[in-house]
Amino acid sequence: MQLDLNLLAALDALLEEGSVTGAAERLHVTAPAMSRSLGRIRRTTGDQILVRTGRTMTPTPYAIAVREQVHDLLQQVRSVLAPSRELDLAILERTFTLRWHDSLVALGGPALLAEVRRQAPGVRLRFIAESSIDTPELRRGEVDLEANANRPTQPEIRADQVAETRQVIVMRQGHPLAHAKAVTAARYAEAEHITISRRGRFDNALDEALARLGLTRRVVATAPTEGAGLEFVRDSDLLVTAPESTTHSAAADLGLVLLPLPFELPPAPVYLSWHQRYDTDPAHVWLRDLARTALAGPTRDRNQATR
């Protein structure tokens, strides 16, 4: 069989974009040309690849099964055919998808976007929200970079700890503990709490630390984002415990009080994660370096400022 590597690139774009028009724009070809490529792919594979369902196109089971393999093969081909190609940021055109914790988007996202636009104006950043469940987009190549407090466990996922921050108690200014001479672990546990959890968990490492002291706390609600959690705290006597660096600015804007925890708790880490397929991708390496700086700098500066 005579192979045409252009079909591999077309197939990757079709599976990534889920439409002929989107794939054509991605590869800078006309929609009719991409439609012809899809026809050739269908004849070669014996599969429809994309089928119309209403106004959208849906990948077939075969397409879903080979999507990751196609993406990996295309990356390997590119690395073989252009191993020493220098990265020219002035002409680079690429869209990166970043799934970061919402507070990290607010903390480092603006600085990252500003630097990307300064160095590579043809690059676009797509920030997407975290899911309430673990999803495989990072492994499938649909997400380029993740940033959160979780170290990945899959062997094919790389991770760098780029920052860490201590946990603090956040409360409204009129809260009974806001002007107390000392916030003890017991008084902390006696208060009512709200937790920040995209999965809706009521407990976390704080409860394990309190249990070692023979204490328990009452969590009355969970919020999916730090911003939502702070809004609950602003108009109630609830406490929320969150990373200092990510809540510092928002808490100040809302007139909230930050106090140190009255017991030992390891600092919250910030991990930057990506699939190993991008280890040597020059553009991805460049973006990772910028992301490290964007996340590490504000975290370090705000930790020091509060101290």
C-alpha atoms as a PDB file:
ATOM      1  CA  MET A   1       0.000   0.000   0.000  1.00  0.00           C
ATOM      2  CA  GLN A   2       1.338   3.416  -0.960  1.00  0.00           C
ATOM      3  CA  LEU A   3       1.280   5.676   2.092  1.00  0.00           C
ATOM      4  CA  ASP A   4       0.485   9.387   2.054  1.00  0.00           C
ATOM      5  CA  LEU A   5       1.591  11.086   5.257  1.00  0.00           C
ATOM      6  CA  ASN A   6      -0.649  14.047   4.424  1.00  0.00           C
ATOM      7  CA  LEU A   7      -3.591  11.777   5.178  1.00  0.00           C
ATOM      8  CA  LEU A   8      -2.193  11.161   8.658  1.00  0.00           C
ATOM      9  CA  ALA A   9      -2.088  14.908   9.320  1.00  0.00           C
ATOM     10  CA  ALA A  10      -5.591  15.292   7.907  1.00  0.00           C
ATOM     11  CA  LEU A  11      -6.919  12.438  10.032  1.00  0.00           C
ATOM     12  CA  ASP A  12      -5.349  13.919  13.161  1.00  0.00           C
ATOM     13  CA  ALA A  13      -6.923  17.314  12.431  1.00  0.00           C
ATOM     14  CA  LEU A  14     -10.324  15.781  11.697  1.00  0.00           C
ATOM     15  CA  LEU A  15     -10.302  13.817  14.949  1.00  0.00           C
ATOM     16  CA  GLU A  16      -9.093  16.835  16.909  1.00  0.00           C
ATOM     17  CA  GLU A  17     -11.568  19.343  15.465  1.00  0.00           C
ATOM     18  CA  GLY A  18     -14.516  17.010  14.844  1.00  0.00           C
ATOM     19  CA  SER A  19     -15.463  18.786  11.613  1.00  0.00           C
ATOM     20  CA  VAL A  20     -14.254  19.211   8.055  1.00  0.00           C
ATOM     21  CA  THR A  21     -14.333  22.997   8.331  1.00  0.00           C
ATOM     22  CA  GLY A  22     -12.358  23.062  11.585  1.00  0.00           C
ATOM     23  CA  ALA A  23      -9.780  20.630  10.258  1.00  0.00           C
ATOM     24  CA  ALA A  24      -9.390  22.684   7.076  1.00  0.00           C
ATOM     25  CA  GLU A  25      -8.755  25.850   9.082  1.00  0.00           C
ATOM     26  CA  ARG A  26      -6.273  24.012  11.294  1.00  0.00           C
ATOM     27  CA  LEU A  27      -4.214  22.823   8.291  1.00  0.00           C
ATOM     28  CA  HIS A  28      -4.758  26.011   6.236  1.00  0.00           C
ATOM     29  CA  VAL A  29      -6.476  24.255   3.335  1.00  0.00           C
ATOM     30  CA  THR A  30      -9.896  24.710   1.768  1.00  0.00           C
ATOM     31  CA  ALA A  31     -12.928  22.843   3.060  1.00  0.00           C
ATOM     32  CA  PRO A  32     -13.387  21.003  -0.289  1.00  0.00           C
ATOM     33  CA  ALA A  33      -9.757  19.841  -0.137  1.00  0.00           C
ATOM     34  CA  MET A  34     -10.262  18.547   3.396  1.00  0.00           C
ATOM     35  CA  SER A  35     -13.494  16.852   2.338  1.00  0.00           C
ATOM     36  CA  ARG A  36     -11.585  15.039  -0.407  1.00  0.00           C
ATOM     37  CA  SER A  37      -8.954  13.977   2.139  1.00  0.00           C
ATOM     38  CA  LEU A  38     -11.707  12.588   4.367  1.00  0.00           C
ATOM     39  CA  GLY A  39     -13.003  10.608   1.408  1.00  0.00           C
ATOM     40  CA  ARG A  40      -9.562   9.124   0.771  1.00  0.00           C
ATOM     41  CA  ILE A  41      -9.192   8.277   4.467  1.00  0.00           C
ATOM     42  CA  ARG A  42     -12.558   6.522   4.421  1.00  0.00           C
ATOM     43  CA  ARG A  43     -11.571   4.465   1.395  1.00  0.00           C
ATOM     44  CA  THR A  44      -8.179   3.596   2.899  1.00  0.00           C
ATOM     45  CA  THR A  45      -9.485   2.594   6.334  1.00  0.00           C
ATOM     46  CA  GLY A  46     -12.853   1.219   5.320  1.00  0.00           C
ATOM     47  CA  ASP A  47     -14.435   3.351   8.057  1.00  0.00           C
ATOM     48  CA  GLN A  48     -16.569   6.500   7.952  1.00  0.00           C
ATOM     49  CA  ILE A  49     -14.348   8.201  10.625  1.00  0.00           C
ATOM     50  CA  LEU A  50     -16.891  11.022  11.143  1.00  0.00           C
ATOM     51  CA  VAL A  51     -20.642  10.646  10.730  1.00  0.00           C
ATOM     52  CA  ARG A  52     -23.223  13.412  10.766  1.00  0.00           C
ATOM     53  CA  THR A  53     -25.583  13.568  13.739  1.00  0.00           C
ATOM     54  CA  GLY A  54     -27.863  16.548  13.262  1.00  0.00           C
ATOM     55  CA  ARG A  55     -25.678  19.617  12.745  1.00  0.00           C
ATOM     56  CA  THR A  56     -22.518  18.092  14.165  1.00  0.00           C
ATOM     57  CA  MET A  57     -20.086  15.334  13.220  1.00  0.00           C
ATOM     58  CA  THR A  58     -19.502  12.410  15.590  1.00  0.00           C
ATOM     59  CA  PRO A  59     -16.406  10.151  15.483  1.00  0.00           C
ATOM     60  CA  THR A  60     -17.018   6.470  14.888  1.00  0.00           C
ATOM     61  CA  PRO A  61     -15.897   3.860  17.449  1.00  0.00           C
ATOM     62  CA  TYR A  62     -12.915   3.083  15.199  1.00  0.00           C
ATOM     63  CA  ALA A  63     -11.941   6.761  15.063  1.00  0.00           C
ATOM     64  CA  ILE A  64     -12.132   7.057  18.846  1.00  0.00           C
ATOM     65  CA  ALA A  65     -10.009   3.922  19.244  1.00  0.00           C
ATOM     66  CA  VAL A  66      -7.196   5.144  16.967  1.00  0.00           C
ATOM     67  CA  ARG A  67      -7.264   8.861  17.879  1.00  0.00           C
ATOM     68  CA  GLU A  68      -4.414   8.701  20.373  1.00  0.00           C
ATOM     69  CA  GLN A  69      -2.340   6.412  18.150  1.00  0.00           C
ATOM     70  CA  VAL A  70      -2.776   8.734  15.164  1.00  0.00           C
ATOM     71  CA  HIS A  71      -1.696  11.744  17.223  1.00  0.00           C
ATOM     72  CA  ASP A  72       1.376   9.922  18.552  1.00  0.00           C
ATOM     73  CA  LEU A  73       2.363   8.730  15.069  1.00  0.00           C
ATOM     74  CA  LEU A  74       2.100  12.233  13.658  1.00  0.00           C
ATOM     75  CA  GLN A  75       4.289  13.640  16.423  1.00  0.00           C
ATOM     76  CA  GLN A  76       6.869  10.919  15.804  1.00  0.00           C
ATOM     77  CA  VAL A  77       6.884  11.581  12.063  1.00  0.00           C
ATOM     78  CA  ARG A  78       7.377  15.296  12.648  1.00  0.00           C
ATOM     79  CA  SER A  79      10.255  14.702  15.050  1.00  0.00           C
ATOM     80  CA  VAL A  80      11.948  12.324  12.580  1.00  0.00           C
ATOM     81  CA  LEU A  81      11.575  14.593   9.558  1.00  0.00           C
ATOM     82  CA  ALA A  82      12.517  17.820  11.339  1.00  0.00           C
ATOM     83  CA  PRO A  83      14.618  16.914  14.393  1.00  0.00           C
ATOM     84  CA  SER A  84      16.792  20.020  14.336  1.00  0.00           C
ATOM     85  CA  ARG A  85      14.258  22.596  13.187  1.00  0.00           C
ATOM     86  CA  GLU A  86      14.661  25.799  15.172  1.00  0.00           C
ATOM     87  CA  LEU A  87      11.594  27.354  16.731  1.00  0.00           C
ATOM     88  CA  ASP A  88      10.664  30.642  15.099  1.00  0.00           C
ATOM     89  CA  LEU A  89       8.254  32.279  17.525  1.00  0.00           C
ATOM     90  CA  ALA A  90       7.566  35.179  15.188  1.00  0.00           C
ATOM     91  CA  ILE A  91       5.799  32.894  12.687  1.00  0.00           C
ATOM     92  CA  LEU A  92       4.587  30.147  15.046  1.00  0.00           C
ATOM     93  CA  GLU A  93       0.849  29.510  14.700  1.00  0.00           C
ATOM     94  CA  ARG A  94      -0.550  27.065  17.227  1.00  0.00           C
ATOM     95  CA  THR A  95      -3.348  26.728  19.743  1.00  0.00           C
ATOM     96  CA  PHE A  96      -2.484  25.290  23.142  1.00  0.00           C
ATOM     97  CA  THR A  97      -5.173  23.915  25.451  1.00  0.00           C
ATOM     98  CA  LEU A  98      -4.528  24.399  29.162  1.00  0.00           C
ATOM     99  CA  ARG A  99      -6.614  22.809  31.900  1.00  0.00           C
ATOM    100  CA  TRP A 100      -5.648  24.662  35.062  1.00  0.00           C
ATOM    101  CA  HIS A 101      -7.288  24.957  38.449  1.00  0.00           C
ATOM    102  CA  ASP A 102      -9.473  28.063  38.345  1.00  0.00           C
ATOM    103  CA  SER A 103      -7.423  29.882  40.977  1.00  0.00           C
ATOM    104  CA  LEU A 104      -4.209  29.190  39.031  1.00  0.00           C
ATOM    105  CA  VAL A 105      -5.767  30.634  35.886  1.00  0.00           C
ATOM    106  CA  ALA A 106      -6.441  33.833  37.817  1.00  0.00           C
ATOM    107  CA  LEU A 107      -2.992  33.764  39.428  1.00  0.00           C
ATOM    108  CA  GLY A 108      -0.746  33.030  36.451  1.00  0.00           C
ATOM    109  CA  GLY A 109      -2.947  33.102  33.363  1.00  0.00           C
ATOM    110  CA  PRO A 110      -2.762  36.843  32.596  1.00  0.00           C
ATOM    111  CA  ALA A 111       1.046  36.930  32.886  1.00  0.00           C
ATOM    112  CA  LEU A 112       1.392  33.833  30.705  1.00  0.00           C
ATOM    113  CA  LEU A 113      -0.911  35.215  28.003  1.00  0.00           C
ATOM    114  CA  ALA A 114       0.877  38.580  27.986  1.00  0.00           C
ATOM    115  CA  GLU A 115       4.273  36.919  27.519  1.00  0.00           C
ATOM    116  CA  VAL A 116       2.976  34.535  24.856  1.00  0.00           C
ATOM    117  CA  ARG A 117       1.481  37.432  22.897  1.00  0.00           C
ATOM    118  CA  ARG A 118       4.713  39.399  23.204  1.00  0.00           C
ATOM    119  CA  GLN A 119       6.915  36.563  21.963  1.00  0.00           C
ATOM    120  CA  ALA A 120       4.605  34.647  19.605  1.00  0.00           C
ATOM    121  CA  PRO A 121       1.583  36.680  18.463  1.00  0.00           C
ATOM    122  CA  GLY A 122       0.326  33.784  16.324  1.00  0.00           C
ATOM    123  CA  VAL A 123      -0.133  31.489  19.344  1.00  0.00           C
ATOM    124  CA  ARG A 124      -3.515  31.150  21.034  1.00  0.00           C
ATOM    125  CA  LEU A 125      -4.236  29.826  24.530  1.00  0.00           C
ATOM    126  CA  ARG A 126      -7.425  27.910  25.286  1.00  0.00           C
ATOM    127  CA  PHE A 127      -8.021  27.705  29.050  1.00  0.00           C
ATOM    128  CA  ILE A 128     -10.667  25.125  29.952  1.00  0.00           C
ATOM    129  CA  ALA A 129     -12.294  24.280  33.276  1.00  0.00           C
ATOM    130  CA  GLU A 130     -11.382  21.234  35.319  1.00  0.00           C
ATOM    131  CA  SER A 131     -13.879  18.376  35.374  1.00  0.00           C
ATOM    132  CA  SER A 132     -15.490  16.920  38.486  1.00  0.00           C
ATOM    133  CA  ILE A 133     -14.036  13.552  37.440  1.00  0.00           C
ATOM    134  CA  ASP A 134     -10.643  12.483  36.145  1.00  0.00           C
ATOM    135  CA  THR A 135     -10.654  12.652  32.349  1.00  0.00           C
ATOM    136  CA  PRO A 136      -8.111  11.336  29.809  1.00  0.00           C
ATOM    137  CA  GLU A 137      -7.688  14.441  27.622  1.00  0.00           C
ATOM    138  CA  LEU A 138      -4.081  14.957  28.737  1.00  0.00           C
ATOM    139  CA  ARG A 139      -3.191  11.402  27.752  1.00  0.00           C
ATOM    140  CA  ARG A 140      -5.049  11.710  24.448  1.00  0.00           C
ATOM    141  CA  GLY A 141      -3.285  14.934  23.539  1.00  0.00           C
ATOM    142  CA  GLU A 142      -6.443  17.057  23.761  1.00  0.00           C
ATOM    143  CA  VAL A 143      -4.940  19.033  26.653  1.00  0.00           C
ATOM    144  CA  ASP A 144      -1.375  20.339  26.421  1.00  0.00           C
ATOM    145  CA  LEU A 145      -0.739  21.428  30.010  1.00  0.00           C
ATOM    146  CA  GLU A 146      -2.454  20.840  33.323  1.00  0.00           C
ATOM    147  CA  ALA A 147      -1.816  22.836  36.482  1.00  0.00           C
ATOM    148  CA  ASN A 148      -3.230  21.837  39.852  1.00  0.00           C
ATOM    149  CA  ALA A 149      -2.263  20.390  43.228  1.00  0.00           C
ATOM    150  CA  ASN A 150      -2.276  16.754  42.097  1.00  0.00           C
ATOM    151  CA  ARG A 151       0.786  14.797  41.047  1.00  0.00           C
ATOM    152  CA  PRO A 152      -0.267  12.482  38.183  1.00  0.00           C
ATOM    153  CA  THR A 153       0.116   8.746  38.705  1.00  0.00           C
ATOM    154  CA  GLN A 154       0.245   7.562  35.077  1.00  0.00           C
ATOM    155  CA  PRO A 155       3.804   6.735  33.983  1.00  0.00           C
ATOM    156  CA  GLU A 156       3.406   8.491  30.624  1.00  0.00           C
ATOM    157  CA  ILE A 157       2.478  11.822  32.247  1.00  0.00           C
ATOM    158  CA  ARG A 158       5.351  14.127  33.210  1.00  0.00           C
ATOM    159  CA  ALA A 159       5.032  16.548  36.115  1.00  0.00           C
ATOM    160  CA  ASP A 160       7.093  19.359  37.616  1.00  0.00           C
ATOM    161  CA  GLN A 161       6.354  20.931  40.968  1.00  0.00           C
ATOM    162  CA  VAL A 162       6.639  24.598  40.077  1.00  0.00           C
ATOM    163  CA  ALA A 163       5.506  26.180  43.352  1.00  0.00           C
ATOM    164  CA  GLU A 164       4.034  25.596  46.771  1.00  0.00           C
ATOM    165  CA  THR A 165       2.019  27.706  49.159  1.00  0.00           C
ATOM    166  CA  ARG A 166       0.859  27.414  52.733  1.00  0.00           C
ATOM    167  CA  GLN A 167      -2.804  27.026  53.651  1.00  0.00           C
ATOM    168  CA  VAL A 168      -4.562  29.895  55.433  1.00  0.00           C
ATOM    169  CA  ILE A 169      -7.937  30.431  57.079  1.00  0.00           C
ATOM    170  CA  VAL A 170     -10.207  32.893  55.273  1.00  0.00           C
ATOM    171  CA  MET A 171     -13.132  34.594  57.034  1.00  0.00           C
ATOM    172  CA  ARG A 172     -15.184  37.785  56.968  1.00  0.00           C
ATOM    173  CA  GLN A 173     -13.936  40.756  58.964  1.00  0.00           C
ATOM    174  CA  GLY A 174     -16.797  40.493  61.474  1.00  0.00           C
ATOM    175  CA  HIS A 175     -16.221  36.795  62.171  1.00  0.00           C
ATOM    176  CA  PRO A 176     -15.828  35.998  65.916  1.00  0.00           C
ATOM    177  CA  LEU A 177     -12.339  34.605  65.222  1.00  0.00           C
ATOM    178  CA  ALA A 178     -11.164  37.578  63.156  1.00  0.00           C
ATOM    179  CA  HIS A 179     -10.151  39.598  66.207  1.00  0.00           C
ATOM    180  CA  ALA A 180      -9.497  36.798  68.665  1.00  0.00           C
ATOM    181  CA  LYS A 181      -6.241  36.969  70.619  1.00  0.00           C
ATOM    182  CA  ALA A 182      -5.425  33.453  69.458  1.00  0.00           C
ATOM    183  CA  VAL A 183      -7.082  31.020  67.071  1.00  0.00           C
ATOM    184  CA  THR A 184      -6.469  27.609  68.576  1.00  0.00           C
ATOM    185  CA  ALA A 185      -6.941  24.317  66.812  1.00  0.00           C
ATOM    186  CA  ALA A 186      -9.941  23.651  69.047  1.00  0.00           C
ATOM    187  CA  ARG A 187     -11.642  26.934  68.164  1.00  0.00           C
ATOM    188  CA  TYR A 188     -10.899  26.341  64.503  1.00  0.00           C
ATOM    189  CA  ALA A 189     -12.535  22.906  64.685  1.00  0.00           C
ATOM    190  CA  GLU A 190     -15.583  24.269  66.521  1.00  0.00           C
ATOM    191  CA  ALA A 191     -16.426  26.674  63.682  1.00  0.00           C
ATOM    192  CA  GLU A 192     -18.473  25.716  60.627  1.00  0.00           C
ATOM    193  CA  HIS A 193     -16.579  25.232  57.392  1.00  0.00           C
ATOM    194  CA  ILE A 194     -16.960  25.105  53.631  1.00  0.00           C
ATOM    195  CA  THR A 195     -14.495  23.158  51.490  1.00  0.00           C
ATOM    196  CA  ILE A 196     -13.294  23.835  47.955  1.00  0.00           C
ATOM    197  CA  SER A 197     -13.592  20.686  45.872  1.00  0.00           C
ATOM    198  CA  ARG A 198     -14.435  20.201  42.206  1.00  0.00           C
ATOM    199  CA  ARG A 199     -15.451  16.648  43.138  1.00  0.00           C
ATOM    200  CA  GLY A 200     -17.701  17.811  45.976  1.00  0.00           C
ATOM    201  CA  ARG A 201     -15.638  16.201  48.744  1.00  0.00           C
ATOM    202  CA  PHE A 202     -16.383  17.261  52.298  1.00  0.00           C
ATOM    203  CA  ASP A 203     -13.056  16.085  53.741  1.00  0.00           C
ATOM    204  CA  ASN A 204      -9.404  16.586  52.830  1.00  0.00           C
ATOM    205  CA  ALA A 205      -5.929  16.628  54.389  1.00  0.00           C
ATOM    206  CA  LEU A 206      -7.092  19.156  56.978  1.00  0.00           C
ATOM    207  CA  ASP A 207      -9.373  16.602  58.571  1.00  0.00           C
ATOM    208  CA  GLU A 208      -6.546  14.084  58.802  1.00  0.00           C
ATOM    209  CA  ALA A 209      -4.396  16.680  60.596  1.00  0.00           C
ATOM    210  CA  LEU A 210      -7.229  17.519  62.988  1.00  0.00           C
ATOM    211  CA  ALA A 211      -7.865  13.838  63.672  1.00  0.00           C
ATOM    212  CA  ARG A 212      -4.266  13.455  64.832  1.00  0.00           C
ATOM    213  CA  LEU A 213      -5.064  16.145  67.396  1.00  0.00           C
ATOM    214  CA  GLY A 214      -8.251  14.362  68.450  1.00  0.00           C
ATOM    215  CA  LEU A 215     -10.436  17.003  66.786  1.00  0.00           C
ATOM    216  CA  THR A 216     -13.107  17.016  64.087  1.00  0.00           C
ATOM    217  CA  ARG A 217     -14.714  19.904  62.231  1.00  0.00           C
ATOM    218  CA  ARG A 218     -18.193  20.330  60.741  1.00  0.00           C
ATOM    219  CA  VAL A 219     -18.233  20.965  57.000  1.00  0.00           C
ATOM    220  CA  VAL A 220     -21.663  22.246  55.986  1.00  0.00           C
ATOM    221  CA  ALA A 221     -21.081  22.722  52.246  1.00  0.00           C
ATOM    222  CA  THR A 222     -18.646  22.370  49.366  1.00  0.00           C
ATOM    223  CA  ALA A 223     -17.949  24.812  46.526  1.00  0.00           C
ATOM    224  CA  PRO A 224     -16.423  23.884  43.156  1.00  0.00           C
ATOM    225  CA  THR A 225     -14.112  26.910  42.906  1.00  0.00           C
ATOM    226  CA  GLU A 226     -12.210  29.178  45.269  1.00  0.00           C
ATOM    227  CA  GLY A 227     -14.077  32.205  43.964  1.00  0.00           C
ATOM    228  CA  ALA A 228     -17.409  30.633  44.887  1.00  0.00           C
ATOM    229  CA  GLY A 229     -16.090  29.543  48.273  1.00  0.00           C
ATOM    230  CA  LEU A 230     -15.001  33.086  49.130  1.00  0.00           C
ATOM    231  CA  GLU A 231     -18.445  34.416  48.247  1.00  0.00           C
ATOM    232  CA  PHE A 232     -20.008  32.001  50.742  1.00  0.00           C
ATOM    233  CA  VAL A 233     -17.575  33.172  53.410  1.00  0.00           C
ATOM    234  CA  ARG A 234     -18.144  36.882  52.769  1.00  0.00           C
ATOM    235  CA  ASP A 235     -21.710  36.861  54.068  1.00  0.00           C
ATOM    236  CA  SER A 236     -21.581  34.173  56.758  1.00  0.00           C
ATOM    237  CA  ASP A 237     -19.612  32.855  59.713  1.00  0.00           C
ATOM    238  CA  LEU A 238     -18.220  29.988  57.647  1.00  0.00           C
ATOM    239  CA  LEU A 239     -14.491  29.419  57.389  1.00  0.00           C
ATOM    240  CA  VAL A 240     -12.709  28.292  54.256  1.00  0.00           C
ATOM    241  CA  THR A 241      -9.136  27.067  54.253  1.00  0.00           C
ATOM    242  CA  ALA A 242      -7.316  27.617  50.969  1.00  0.00           C
ATOM    243  CA  PRO A 243      -3.849  28.218  49.478  1.00  0.00           C
ATOM    244  CA  GLU A 244      -2.516  31.610  50.493  1.00  0.00           C
ATOM    245  CA  SER A 245      -1.090  32.673  47.150  1.00  0.00           C
ATOM    246  CA  THR A 246      -4.217  31.985  45.108  1.00  0.00           C
ATOM    247  CA  THR A 247      -6.707  33.524  47.535  1.00  0.00           C
ATOM    248  CA  HIS A 248      -4.705  36.568  48.628  1.00  0.00           C
ATOM    249  CA  SER A 249      -5.883  39.043  45.972  1.00  0.00           C
ATOM    250  CA  ALA A 250      -9.491  37.836  45.827  1.00  0.00           C
ATOM    251  CA  ALA A 251      -9.771  37.894  49.626  1.00  0.00           C
ATOM    252  CA  ALA A 252      -8.420  41.438  49.721  1.00  0.00           C
ATOM    253  CA  ASP A 253     -10.925  42.568  47.072  1.00  0.00           C
ATOM    254  CA  LEU A 254     -13.778  41.088  49.110  1.00  0.00           C
ATOM    255  CA  GLY A 255     -12.532  42.546  52.392  1.00  0.00           C
ATOM    256  CA  LEU A 256     -11.839  39.147  53.930  1.00  0.00           C
ATOM    257  CA  VAL A 257      -9.331  38.284  56.640  1.00  0.00           C
ATOM    258  CA  LEU A 258      -6.509  35.751  56.243  1.00  0.00           C
ATOM    259  CA  LEU A 259      -5.109  34.016  59.317  1.00  0.00           C
ATOM    260  CA  PRO A 260      -2.506  31.251  59.666  1.00  0.00           C
ATOM    261  CA  LEU A 261      -3.584  27.739  60.554  1.00  0.00           C
ATOM    262  CA  PRO A 262      -3.093  26.932  64.261  1.00  0.00           C
ATOM    263  CA  PHE A 263      -1.570  23.523  63.471  1.00  0.00           C
ATOM    264  CA  GLU A 264       1.009  22.058  61.112  1.00  0.00           C
ATOM    265  CA  LEU A 265      -0.044  21.207  57.574  1.00  0.00           C
ATOM    266  CA  PRO A 266       2.244  20.609  54.590  1.00  0.00           C
ATOM    267  CA  PRO A 267       2.151  23.413  51.996  1.00  0.00           C
ATOM    268  CA  ALA A 268      -0.058  22.928  48.968  1.00  0.00           C
ATOM    269  CA  PRO A 269       2.000  22.055  45.860  1.00  0.00           C
ATOM    270  CA  VAL A 270       1.424  23.310  42.335  1.00  0.00           C
ATOM    271  CA  TYR A 271       2.193  20.766  39.602  1.00  0.00           C
ATOM    272  CA  LEU A 272       2.549  21.431  35.912  1.00  0.00           C
ATOM    273  CA  SER A 273       1.756  18.233  33.948  1.00  0.00           C
ATOM    274  CA  TRP A 274       1.981  17.142  30.305  1.00  0.00           C
ATOM    275  CA  HIS A 275       2.152  13.962  28.212  1.00  0.00           C
ATOM    276  CA  GLN A 276       5.581  12.564  27.427  1.00  0.00           C
ATOM    277  CA  ARG A 277       4.894  12.896  23.687  1.00  0.00           C
ATOM    278  CA  TYR A 278       5.654  16.611  24.084  1.00  0.00           C
ATOM    279  CA  ASP A 279       8.953  16.202  25.935  1.00  0.00           C
ATOM    280  CA  THR A 280      11.056  17.384  22.976  1.00  0.00           C
ATOM    281  CA  ASP A 281       8.466  19.452  21.108  1.00  0.00           C
ATOM    282  CA  PRO A 282      10.219  22.871  20.864  1.00  0.00           C
ATOM    283  CA  ALA A 283       7.015  24.894  21.030  1.00  0.00           C
ATOM    284  CA  HIS A 284       5.738  22.902  23.975  1.00  0.00           C
ATOM    285  CA  VAL A 285       9.059  23.238  25.807  1.00  0.00           C
ATOM    286  CA  TRP A 286       8.882  26.991  25.247  1.00  0.00           C
ATOM    287  CA  LEU A 287       5.324  27.171  26.609  1.00  0.00           C
ATOM    288  CA  ARG A 288       6.204  25.037  29.647  1.00  0.00           C
ATOM    289  CA  ASP A 289       9.052  27.382  30.550  1.00  0.00           C
ATOM    290  CA  LEU A 290       6.754  30.400  30.346  1.00  0.00           C
ATOM    291  CA  ALA A 291       4.083  28.611  32.396  1.00  0.00           C
ATOM    292  CA  ARG A 292       6.593  27.738  35.131  1.00  0.00           C
ATOM    293  CA  THR A 293       7.588  31.373  35.438  1.00  0.00           C
ATOM    294  CA  ALA A 294       3.992  32.597  35.353  1.00  0.00           C
ATOM    295  CA  LEU A 295       2.967  30.251  38.175  1.00  0.00           C
ATOM    296  CA  ALA A 296       6.105  30.279  40.325  1.00  0.00           C
ATOM    297  CA  GLY A 297       6.691  34.038  40.415  1.00  0.00           C
ATOM    298  CA  PRO A 298       3.311  35.220  41.739  1.00  0.00           C
ATOM    299  CA  THR A 299       3.147  32.310  44.187  1.00  0.00           C
ATOM    300  CA  ARG A 300       6.548  33.133  45.657  1.00  0.00           C
ATOM    301  CA  ASP A 301       5.935  36.888  45.736  1.00  0.00           C
ATOM    302  CA  ARG A 302       2.559  36.625  47.442  1.00  0.00           C
ATOM    303  CA  ASN A 303       3.801  34.139  49.994  1.00  0.00           C
ATOM    304  CA  GLN A 304       6.637  36.495  50.921  1.00  0.00           C
ATOM    305  CA  ALA A 305       4.390  39.551  50.922  1.00  0.00           C
ATOM    306  CA  THR A 306       1.954  37.994  53.392  1.00  0.00           C
ATOM    307  CA  ARG A 307       4.783  36.909  55.650  1.00  0.00           C
END
